Amino acid sequence: MVKLIPFHDNTIPEHVVKEPPPPIVKAGVEEFEIEEILDSCMCRGKLQYLVHWKGYNSEDNSWEPASMMFKDVPLVVSKFHDNHPNAIQHTSTP
């Protein structure tokens, strides 16, 4: 007795999983576009930002070092801090 049934693609629009966009290649290095910064924190004495990547699900959000953020996307960082003035922005030096 065979209990297998044929596979049918999900046709409900809310359940269809879209493929994420391909990375942008600059100077041979793959880069991804930031849609929004969600949070900031200190990790091992270094500032990090929680990034939501454009075209990706929230499961793909990742913590990225501030050094990368300031170098490549200062406007996104500024917007985050304008909207979240109490969020961690920098490390304090003793």
PDB file of N, CA and C in Angstrom:
ATOM      1  N   MET A   1       0.841  -1.181   0.000  1.00  0.00           N
ATOM      2  CA  MET A   1       0.000   0.000   0.000  1.00  0.00           C
ATOM      3  C   MET A   1       0.891   1.251   0.000  1.00  0.00           C
ATOM      4  N   VAL A   2       0.724   2.131  -0.970  1.00  0.00           N
ATOM      5  CA  VAL A   2       1.512   3.353  -1.107  1.00  0.00           C
ATOM      6  C   VAL A   2       0.752   4.513  -0.468  1.00  0.00           C
ATOM      7  N   LYS A   3       1.441   5.252   0.436  1.00  0.00           N
ATOM      8  CA  LYS A   3       0.794   6.370   1.122  1.00  0.00           C
ATOM      9  C   LYS A   3       1.287   7.722   0.616  1.00  0.00           C
ATOM     10  N   LEU A   4       2.020   7.716  -0.462  1.00  0.00           N
ATOM     11  CA  LEU A   4       2.505   8.971  -1.017  1.00  0.00           C
ATOM     12  C   LEU A   4       1.428   9.643  -1.847  1.00  0.00           C
ATOM     13  N   ILE A   5       1.410  10.979  -1.790  1.00  0.00           N
ATOM     14  CA  ILE A   5       0.478  11.738  -2.621  1.00  0.00           C
ATOM     15  C   ILE A   5       1.292  12.715  -3.466  1.00  0.00           C
ATOM     16  N   PRO A   6       0.784  13.116  -4.618  1.00  0.00           N
ATOM     17  CA  PRO A   6       1.532  14.048  -5.462  1.00  0.00           C
ATOM     18  C   PRO A   6       1.691  15.414  -4.789  1.00  0.00           C
ATOM     19  N   PHE A   7       2.820  16.072  -5.055  1.00  0.00           N
ATOM     20  CA  PHE A   7       3.086  17.410  -4.530  1.00  0.00           C
ATOM     21  C   PHE A   7       2.374  18.448  -5.387  1.00  0.00           C
ATOM     22  N   HIS A   8       1.745  19.425  -4.728  1.00  0.00           N
ATOM     23  CA  HIS A   8       1.108  20.544  -5.414  1.00  0.00           C
ATOM     24  C   HIS A   8       1.636  21.832  -4.803  1.00  0.00           C
ATOM     25  N   ASP A   9       2.092  22.767  -5.652  1.00  0.00           N
ATOM     26  CA  ASP A   9       2.558  24.059  -5.160  1.00  0.00           C
ATOM     27  C   ASP A   9       1.461  24.755  -4.383  1.00  0.00           C
ATOM     28  N   ASN A  10       1.860  25.532  -3.374  1.00  0.00           N
ATOM     29  CA  ASN A  10       0.929  26.319  -2.591  1.00  0.00           C
ATOM     30  C   ASN A  10       0.488  27.512  -3.427  1.00  0.00           C
ATOM     31  N   THR A  11      -0.791  27.679  -3.627  1.00  0.00           N
ATOM     32  CA  THR A  11      -1.304  28.765  -4.458  1.00  0.00           C
ATOM     33  C   THR A  11      -1.904  29.904  -3.644  1.00  0.00           C
ATOM     34  N   ILE A  12      -1.895  29.811  -2.332  1.00  0.00           N
ATOM     35  CA  ILE A  12      -2.387  30.896  -1.490  1.00  0.00           C
ATOM     36  C   ILE A  12      -1.299  31.969  -1.470  1.00  0.00           C
ATOM     37  N   PRO A  13      -1.596  33.198  -1.944  1.00  0.00           N
ATOM     38  CA  PRO A  13      -0.548  34.223  -2.082  1.00  0.00           C
ATOM     39  C   PRO A  13       0.251  34.488  -0.805  1.00  0.00           C
ATOM     40  N   GLU A  14      -0.394  34.474   0.350  1.00  0.00           N
ATOM     41  CA  GLU A  14       0.304  34.748   1.610  1.00  0.00           C
ATOM     42  C   GLU A  14       1.268  33.622   1.989  1.00  0.00           C
ATOM     43  N   HIS A  15       1.094  32.449   1.414  1.00  0.00           N
ATOM     44  CA  HIS A  15       1.920  31.303   1.772  1.00  0.00           C
ATOM     45  C   HIS A  15       3.009  30.994   0.752  1.00  0.00           C
ATOM     46  N   VAL A  16       2.991  31.686  -0.365  1.00  0.00           N
ATOM     47  CA  VAL A  16       3.994  31.443  -1.395  1.00  0.00           C
ATOM     48  C   VAL A  16       5.297  32.108  -0.957  1.00  0.00           C
ATOM     49  N   VAL A  17       6.355  31.334  -0.898  1.00  0.00           N
ATOM     50  CA  VAL A  17       7.652  31.844  -0.476  1.00  0.00           C
ATOM     51  C   VAL A  17       8.385  32.391  -1.691  1.00  0.00           C
ATOM     52  N   LYS A  18       8.723  33.690  -1.616  1.00  0.00           N
ATOM     53  CA  LYS A  18       9.457  34.316  -2.711  1.00  0.00           C
ATOM     54  C   LYS A  18      10.951  34.123  -2.471  1.00  0.00           C
ATOM     55  N   GLU A  19      11.670  33.934  -3.548  1.00  0.00           N
ATOM     56  CA  GLU A  19      13.121  33.828  -3.442  1.00  0.00           C
ATOM     57  C   GLU A  19      13.693  35.200  -3.091  1.00  0.00           C
ATOM     58  N   PRO A  20      14.688  35.259  -2.195  1.00  0.00           N
ATOM     59  CA  PRO A  20      15.304  36.546  -1.885  1.00  0.00           C
ATOM     60  C   PRO A  20      16.073  37.067  -3.093  1.00  0.00           C
ATOM     61  N   PRO A  21      16.281  38.376  -3.145  1.00  0.00           N
ATOM     62  CA  PRO A  21      17.010  38.921  -4.275  1.00  0.00           C
ATOM     63  C   PRO A  21      18.474  38.484  -4.240  1.00  0.00           C
ATOM     64  N   PRO A  22      19.107  38.453  -5.391  1.00  0.00           N
ATOM     65  CA  PRO A  22      20.529  38.083  -5.402  1.00  0.00           C
ATOM     66  C   PRO A  22      21.359  39.201  -4.788  1.00  0.00           C
ATOM     67  N   PRO A  23      22.544  38.875  -4.286  1.00  0.00           N
ATOM     68  CA  PRO A  23      23.408  39.918  -3.719  1.00  0.00           C
ATOM     69  C   PRO A  23      23.902  40.861  -4.815  1.00  0.00           C
ATOM     70  N   ILE A  24      24.271  42.058  -4.391  1.00  0.00           N
ATOM     71  CA  ILE A  24      24.888  43.042  -5.279  1.00  0.00           C
ATOM     72  C   ILE A  24      26.384  42.760  -5.243  1.00  0.00           C
ATOM     73  N   VAL A  25      27.014  42.676  -6.386  1.00  0.00           N
ATOM     74  CA  VAL A  25      28.454  42.396  -6.428  1.00  0.00           C
ATOM     75  C   VAL A  25      29.183  43.684  -6.765  1.00  0.00           C
ATOM     76  N   LYS A  26      30.031  44.135  -5.815  1.00  0.00           N
ATOM     77  CA  LYS A  26      30.848  45.334  -6.013  1.00  0.00           C
ATOM     78  C   LYS A  26      32.301  44.941  -5.803  1.00  0.00           C
ATOM     79  N   ALA A  27      33.110  45.175  -6.798  1.00  0.00           N
ATOM     80  CA  ALA A  27      34.542  44.862  -6.745  1.00  0.00           C
ATOM     81  C   ALA A  27      34.760  43.404  -6.353  1.00  0.00           C
ATOM     82  N   GLY A  28      33.884  42.528  -6.873  1.00  0.00           N
ATOM     83  CA  GLY A  28      34.033  41.103  -6.613  1.00  0.00           C
ATOM     84  C   GLY A  28      33.546  40.641  -5.251  1.00  0.00           C
ATOM     85  N   VAL A  29      32.930  41.541  -4.476  1.00  0.00           N
ATOM     86  CA  VAL A  29      32.451  41.212  -3.133  1.00  0.00           C
ATOM     87  C   VAL A  29      30.926  41.267  -3.137  1.00  0.00           C
ATOM     88  N   GLU A  30      30.293  40.221  -2.602  1.00  0.00           N
ATOM     89  CA  GLU A  30      28.833  40.192  -2.514  1.00  0.00           C
ATOM     90  C   GLU A  30      28.357  41.098  -1.377  1.00  0.00           C
ATOM     91  N   GLU A  31      27.366  41.935  -1.681  1.00  0.00           N
ATOM     92  CA  GLU A  31      26.769  42.810  -0.676  1.00  0.00           C
ATOM     93  C   GLU A  31      25.253  42.663  -0.742  1.00  0.00           C
ATOM     94  N   PHE A  32      24.597  42.952   0.376  1.00  0.00           N
ATOM     95  CA  PHE A  32      23.144  42.864   0.463  1.00  0.00           C
ATOM     96  C   PHE A  32      22.618  44.219   0.901  1.00  0.00           C
ATOM     97  N   GLU A  33      21.413  44.570   0.452  1.00  0.00           N
ATOM     98  CA  GLU A  33      20.834  45.872   0.753  1.00  0.00           C
ATOM     99  C   GLU A  33      20.103  45.836   2.090  1.00  0.00           C
ATOM    100  N   ILE A  34      20.344  46.848   2.902  1.00  0.00           N
ATOM    101  CA  ILE A  34      19.688  46.962   4.207  1.00  0.00           C
ATOM    102  C   ILE A  34      18.351  47.666   4.023  1.00  0.00           C
ATOM    103  N   GLU A  35      17.291  47.039   4.536  1.00  0.00           N
ATOM    104  CA  GLU A  35      15.974  47.684   4.493  1.00  0.00           C
ATOM    105  C   GLU A  35      15.782  48.566   5.710  1.00  0.00           C
ATOM    106  N   GLU A  36      16.209  48.060   6.887  1.00  0.00           N
ATOM    107  CA  GLU A  36      15.957  48.795   8.121  1.00  0.00           C
ATOM    108  C   GLU A  36      16.867  48.263   9.223  1.00  0.00           C
ATOM    109  N   ILE A  37      17.256  49.149  10.123  1.00  0.00           N
ATOM    110  CA  ILE A  37      17.941  48.738  11.348  1.00  0.00           C
ATOM    111  C   ILE A  37      16.875  48.650  12.426  1.00  0.00           C
ATOM    112  N   LEU A  38      16.854  47.522  13.141  1.00  0.00           N
ATOM    113  CA  LEU A  38      15.791  47.262  14.113  1.00  0.00           C
ATOM    114  C   LEU A  38      16.191  47.542  15.555  1.00  0.00           C
ATOM    115  N   ASP A  39      17.492  47.403  15.866  1.00  0.00           N
ATOM    116  CA  ASP A  39      17.931  47.544  17.256  1.00  0.00           C
ATOM    117  C   ASP A  39      19.431  47.739  17.286  1.00  0.00           C
ATOM    118  N   SER A  40      19.946  48.105  18.453  1.00  0.00           N
ATOM    119  CA  SER A  40      21.393  48.187  18.651  1.00  0.00           C
ATOM    120  C   SER A  40      21.720  47.582  20.011  1.00  0.00           C
ATOM    121  N   CYS A  41      22.956  47.111  20.163  1.00  0.00           N
ATOM    122  CA  CYS A  41      23.378  46.532  21.438  1.00  0.00           C
ATOM    123  C   CYS A  41      24.901  46.555  21.513  1.00  0.00           C
ATOM    124  N   MET A  42      25.387  46.335  22.718  1.00  0.00           N
ATOM    125  CA  MET A  42      26.817  46.169  22.934  1.00  0.00           C
ATOM    126  C   MET A  42      27.082  44.677  23.086  1.00  0.00           C
ATOM    127  N   CYS A  43      28.033  44.164  22.335  1.00  0.00           N
ATOM    128  CA  CYS A  43      28.410  42.762  22.422  1.00  0.00           C
ATOM    129  C   CYS A  43      29.924  42.682  22.512  1.00  0.00           C
ATOM    130  N   ARG A  44      30.397  42.203  23.647  1.00  0.00           N
ATOM    131  CA  ARG A  44      31.838  42.106  23.900  1.00  0.00           C
ATOM    132  C   ARG A  44      32.546  43.440  23.705  1.00  0.00           C
ATOM    133  N   GLY A  45      31.886  44.492  24.182  1.00  0.00           N
ATOM    134  CA  GLY A  45      32.467  45.819  24.126  1.00  0.00           C
ATOM    135  C   GLY A  45      32.386  46.508  22.779  1.00  0.00           C
ATOM    136  N   LYS A  46      31.661  45.919  21.840  1.00  0.00           N
ATOM    137  CA  LYS A  46      31.549  46.508  20.499  1.00  0.00           C
ATOM    138  C   LYS A  46      30.074  46.737  20.166  1.00  0.00           C
ATOM    139  N   LEU A  47      29.812  47.875  19.532  1.00  0.00           N
ATOM    140  CA  LEU A  47      28.449  48.224  19.131  1.00  0.00           C
ATOM    141  C   LEU A  47      28.038  47.412  17.912  1.00  0.00           C
ATOM    142  N   GLN A  48      26.809  46.871  17.969  1.00  0.00           N
ATOM    143  CA  GLN A  48      26.260  46.119  16.843  1.00  0.00           C
ATOM    144  C   GLN A  48      24.835  46.589  16.564  1.00  0.00           C
ATOM    145  N   TYR A  49      24.403  46.399  15.310  1.00  0.00           N
ATOM    146  CA  TYR A  49      23.043  46.738  14.902  1.00  0.00           C
ATOM    147  C   TYR A  49      22.348  45.492  14.383  1.00  0.00           C
ATOM    148  N   LEU A  50      21.047  45.366  14.729  1.00  0.00           N
ATOM    149  CA  LEU A  50      20.214  44.287  14.206  1.00  0.00           C
ATOM    150  C   LEU A  50      19.637  44.766  12.877  1.00  0.00           C
ATOM    151  N   VAL A  51      19.995  44.066  11.800  1.00  0.00           N
ATOM    152  CA  VAL A  51      19.657  44.497  10.448  1.00  0.00           C
ATOM    153  C   VAL A  51      18.583  43.607   9.836  1.00  0.00           C
ATOM    154  N   HIS A  52      17.585  44.259   9.223  1.00  0.00           N
ATOM    155  CA  HIS A  52      16.602  43.546   8.399  1.00  0.00           C
ATOM    156  C   HIS A  52      17.014  43.788   6.957  1.00  0.00           C
ATOM    157  N   TRP A  53      17.313  42.705   6.243  1.00  0.00           N
ATOM    158  CA  TRP A  53      17.809  42.783   4.871  1.00  0.00           C
ATOM    159  C   TRP A  53      16.664  42.889   3.885  1.00  0.00           C
ATOM    160  N   LYS A  54      16.796  43.763   2.895  1.00  0.00           N
ATOM    161  CA  LYS A  54      15.750  43.988   1.895  1.00  0.00           C
ATOM    162  C   LYS A  54      15.501  42.717   1.090  1.00  0.00           C
ATOM    163  N   GLY A  55      14.210  42.312   1.040  1.00  0.00           N
ATOM    164  CA  GLY A  55      13.812  41.136   0.277  1.00  0.00           C
ATOM    165  C   GLY A  55      13.916  39.830   1.046  1.00  0.00           C
ATOM    166  N   TYR A  56      14.349  39.887   2.310  1.00  0.00           N
ATOM    167  CA  TYR A  56      14.509  38.679   3.116  1.00  0.00           C
ATOM    168  C   TYR A  56      13.494  38.655   4.247  1.00  0.00           C
ATOM    169  N   ASN A  57      13.228  37.488   4.789  1.00  0.00           N
ATOM    170  CA  ASN A  57      12.309  37.328   5.914  1.00  0.00           C
ATOM    171  C   ASN A  57      12.999  37.739   7.208  1.00  0.00           C
ATOM    172  N   SER A  58      12.204  37.940   8.257  1.00  0.00           N
ATOM    173  CA  SER A  58      12.757  38.346   9.543  1.00  0.00           C
ATOM    174  C   SER A  58      13.673  37.274  10.148  1.00  0.00           C
ATOM    175  N   GLU A  59      13.510  36.022   9.721  1.00  0.00           N
ATOM    176  CA  GLU A  59      14.394  34.959  10.216  1.00  0.00           C
ATOM    177  C   GLU A  59      15.836  35.185   9.760  1.00  0.00           C
ATOM    178  N   ASP A  60      16.013  35.987   8.715  1.00  0.00           N
ATOM    179  CA  ASP A  60      17.347  36.256   8.174  1.00  0.00           C
ATOM    180  C   ASP A  60      17.974  37.522   8.755  1.00  0.00           C
ATOM    181  N   ASN A  61      17.287  38.197   9.701  1.00  0.00           N
ATOM    182  CA  ASN A  61      17.873  39.364  10.352  1.00  0.00           C
ATOM    183  C   ASN A  61      19.178  38.946  11.010  1.00  0.00           C
ATOM    184  N   SER A  62      20.134  39.879  11.065  1.00  0.00           N
ATOM    185  CA  SER A  62      21.416  39.537  11.677  1.00  0.00           C
ATOM    186  C   SER A  62      22.014  40.743  12.386  1.00  0.00           C
ATOM    187  N   TRP A  63      22.844  40.446  13.393  1.00  0.00           N
ATOM    188  CA  TRP A  63      23.579  41.482  14.112  1.00  0.00           C
ATOM    189  C   TRP A  63      24.857  41.753  13.338  1.00  0.00           C
ATOM    190  N   GLU A  64      25.088  43.026  13.029  1.00  0.00           N
ATOM    191  CA  GLU A  64      26.257  43.423  12.252  1.00  0.00           C
ATOM    192  C   GLU A  64      27.051  44.473  13.022  1.00  0.00           C
ATOM    193  N   PRO A  65      28.370  44.457  12.906  1.00  0.00           N
ATOM    194  CA  PRO A  65      29.196  45.434  13.632  1.00  0.00           C
ATOM    195  C   PRO A  65      28.957  46.855  13.138  1.00  0.00           C
ATOM    196  N   ALA A  66      29.007  47.803  14.071  1.00  0.00           N
ATOM    197  CA  ALA A  66      28.792  49.208  13.724  1.00  0.00           C
ATOM    198  C   ALA A  66      29.831  49.694  12.725  1.00  0.00           C
ATOM    199  N   SER A  67      31.026  49.151  12.774  1.00  0.00           N
ATOM    200  CA  SER A  67      32.069  49.587  11.837  1.00  0.00           C
ATOM    201  C   SER A  67      31.631  49.372  10.396  1.00  0.00           C
ATOM    202  N   MET A  68      30.922  48.297  10.117  1.00  0.00           N
ATOM    203  CA  MET A  68      30.409  48.043   8.776  1.00  0.00           C
ATOM    204  C   MET A  68      29.284  49.026   8.458  1.00  0.00           C
ATOM    205  N   MET A  69      28.452  49.329   9.438  1.00  0.00           N
ATOM    206  CA  MET A  69      27.289  50.170   9.208  1.00  0.00           C
ATOM    207  C   MET A  69      27.692  51.607   8.898  1.00  0.00           C
ATOM    208  N   PHE A  70      28.630  52.139   9.633  1.00  0.00           N
ATOM    209  CA  PHE A  70      29.021  53.533   9.430  1.00  0.00           C
ATOM    210  C   PHE A  70      29.769  53.706   8.118  1.00  0.00           C
ATOM    211  N   LYS A  71      30.496  52.705   7.723  1.00  0.00           N
ATOM    212  CA  LYS A  71      31.273  52.792   6.491  1.00  0.00           C
ATOM    213  C   LYS A  71      30.365  52.792   5.268  1.00  0.00           C
ATOM    214  N   ASP A  72      29.337  51.956   5.266  1.00  0.00           N
ATOM    215  CA  ASP A  72      28.552  51.736   4.060  1.00  0.00           C
ATOM    216  C   ASP A  72      27.185  52.414   4.039  1.00  0.00           C
ATOM    217  N   VAL A  73      26.555  52.581   5.173  1.00  0.00           N
ATOM    218  CA  VAL A  73      25.168  53.063   5.164  1.00  0.00           C
ATOM    219  C   VAL A  73      24.885  54.063   6.292  1.00  0.00           C
ATOM    220  N   PRO A  74      25.562  55.191   6.301  1.00  0.00           N
ATOM    221  CA  PRO A  74      25.355  56.141   7.411  1.00  0.00           C
ATOM    222  C   PRO A  74      23.927  56.698   7.483  1.00  0.00           C
ATOM    223  N   LEU A  75      23.229  56.818   6.350  1.00  0.00           N
ATOM    224  CA  LEU A  75      21.863  57.355   6.389  1.00  0.00           C
ATOM    225  C   LEU A  75      20.904  56.411   7.095  1.00  0.00           C
ATOM    226  N   VAL A  76      21.088  55.114   6.919  1.00  0.00           N
ATOM    227  CA  VAL A  76      20.227  54.134   7.591  1.00  0.00           C
ATOM    228  C   VAL A  76      20.465  54.183   9.096  1.00  0.00           C
ATOM    229  N   VAL A  77      21.724  54.333   9.488  1.00  0.00           N
ATOM    230  CA  VAL A  77      22.070  54.421  10.914  1.00  0.00           C
ATOM    231  C   VAL A  77      21.477  55.701  11.505  1.00  0.00           C
ATOM    232  N   SER A  78      21.610  56.815  10.793  1.00  0.00           N
ATOM    233  CA  SER A  78      21.051  58.086  11.279  1.00  0.00           C
ATOM    234  C   SER A  78      19.540  57.993  11.450  1.00  0.00           C
ATOM    235  N   LYS A  79      18.866  57.388  10.477  1.00  0.00           N
ATOM    236  CA  LYS A  79      17.407  57.239  10.558  1.00  0.00           C
ATOM    237  C   LYS A  79      17.011  56.409  11.774  1.00  0.00           C
ATOM    238  N   PHE A  80      17.753  55.310  12.020  1.00  0.00           N
ATOM    239  CA  PHE A  80      17.458  54.470  13.178  1.00  0.00           C
ATOM    240  C   PHE A  80      17.571  55.289  14.461  1.00  0.00           C
ATOM    241  N   HIS A  81      18.665  56.057  14.611  1.00  0.00           N
ATOM    242  CA  HIS A  81      18.865  56.818  15.844  1.00  0.00           C
ATOM    243  C   HIS A  81      17.900  57.997  15.961  1.00  0.00           C
ATOM    244  N   ASP A  82      17.458  58.556  14.838  1.00  0.00           N
ATOM    245  CA  ASP A  82      16.428  59.605  14.893  1.00  0.00           C
ATOM    246  C   ASP A  82      15.119  59.031  15.432  1.00  0.00           C
ATOM    247  N   ASN A  83      14.792  57.801  15.016  1.00  0.00           N
ATOM    248  CA  ASN A  83      13.554  57.149  15.455  1.00  0.00           C
ATOM    249  C   ASN A  83      13.673  56.499  16.824  1.00  0.00           C
ATOM    250  N   HIS A  84      14.897  56.219  17.279  1.00  0.00           N
ATOM    251  CA  HIS A  84      15.143  55.554  18.572  1.00  0.00           C
ATOM    252  C   HIS A  84      16.245  56.306  19.321  1.00  0.00           C
ATOM    253  N   PRO A  85      15.952  57.503  19.830  1.00  0.00           N
ATOM    254  CA  PRO A  85      16.998  58.321  20.455  1.00  0.00           C
ATOM    255  C   PRO A  85      17.643  57.697  21.695  1.00  0.00           C
ATOM    256  N   ASN A  86      16.971  56.757  22.347  1.00  0.00           N
ATOM    257  CA  ASN A  86      17.538  56.124  23.538  1.00  0.00           C
ATOM    258  C   ASN A  86      18.339  54.866  23.235  1.00  0.00           C
ATOM    259  N   ALA A  87      18.421  54.483  21.974  1.00  0.00           N
ATOM    260  CA  ALA A  87      19.174  53.282  21.592  1.00  0.00           C
ATOM    261  C   ALA A  87      20.673  53.537  21.761  1.00  0.00           C
ATOM    262  N   ILE A  88      21.396  52.484  22.036  1.00  0.00           N
ATOM    263  CA  ILE A  88      22.853  52.575  22.175  1.00  0.00           C
ATOM    264  C   ILE A  88      23.444  53.069  20.862  1.00  0.00           C
ATOM    265  N   GLN A  89      24.316  54.085  20.924  1.00  0.00           N
ATOM    266  CA  GLN A  89      24.888  54.661  19.714  1.00  0.00           C
ATOM    267  C   GLN A  89      26.393  54.503  19.614  1.00  0.00           C
ATOM    268  N   HIS A  90      27.063  54.481  20.738  1.00  0.00           N
ATOM    269  CA  HIS A  90      28.517  54.434  20.685  1.00  0.00           C
ATOM    270  C   HIS A  90      29.053  53.839  21.965  1.00  0.00           C
ATOM    271  N   THR A  91      30.296  53.462  21.907  1.00  0.00           N
ATOM    272  CA  THR A  91      30.949  52.936  23.107  1.00  0.00           C
ATOM    273  C   THR A  91      31.517  54.111  23.864  1.00  0.00           C
ATOM    274  N   SER A  92      31.430  54.056  25.172  1.00  0.00           N
ATOM    275  CA  SER A  92      32.032  55.107  25.975  1.00  0.00           C
ATOM    276  C   SER A  92      33.440  54.692  26.346  1.00  0.00           C
ATOM    277  N   THR A  93      34.341  55.604  26.261  1.00  0.00           N
ATOM    278  CA  THR A  93      35.731  55.289  26.618  1.00  0.00           C
ATOM    279  C   THR A  93      35.987  55.718  28.033  1.00  0.00           C
ATOM    280  N   PRO A  94      36.660  54.891  28.832  1.00  0.00           N
ATOM    281  CA  PRO A  94      36.901  55.254  30.244  1.00  0.00           C
ATOM    282  C   PRO A  94      37.866  56.389  30.394  1.00  0.00           C
TER     283      PRO A  94
END
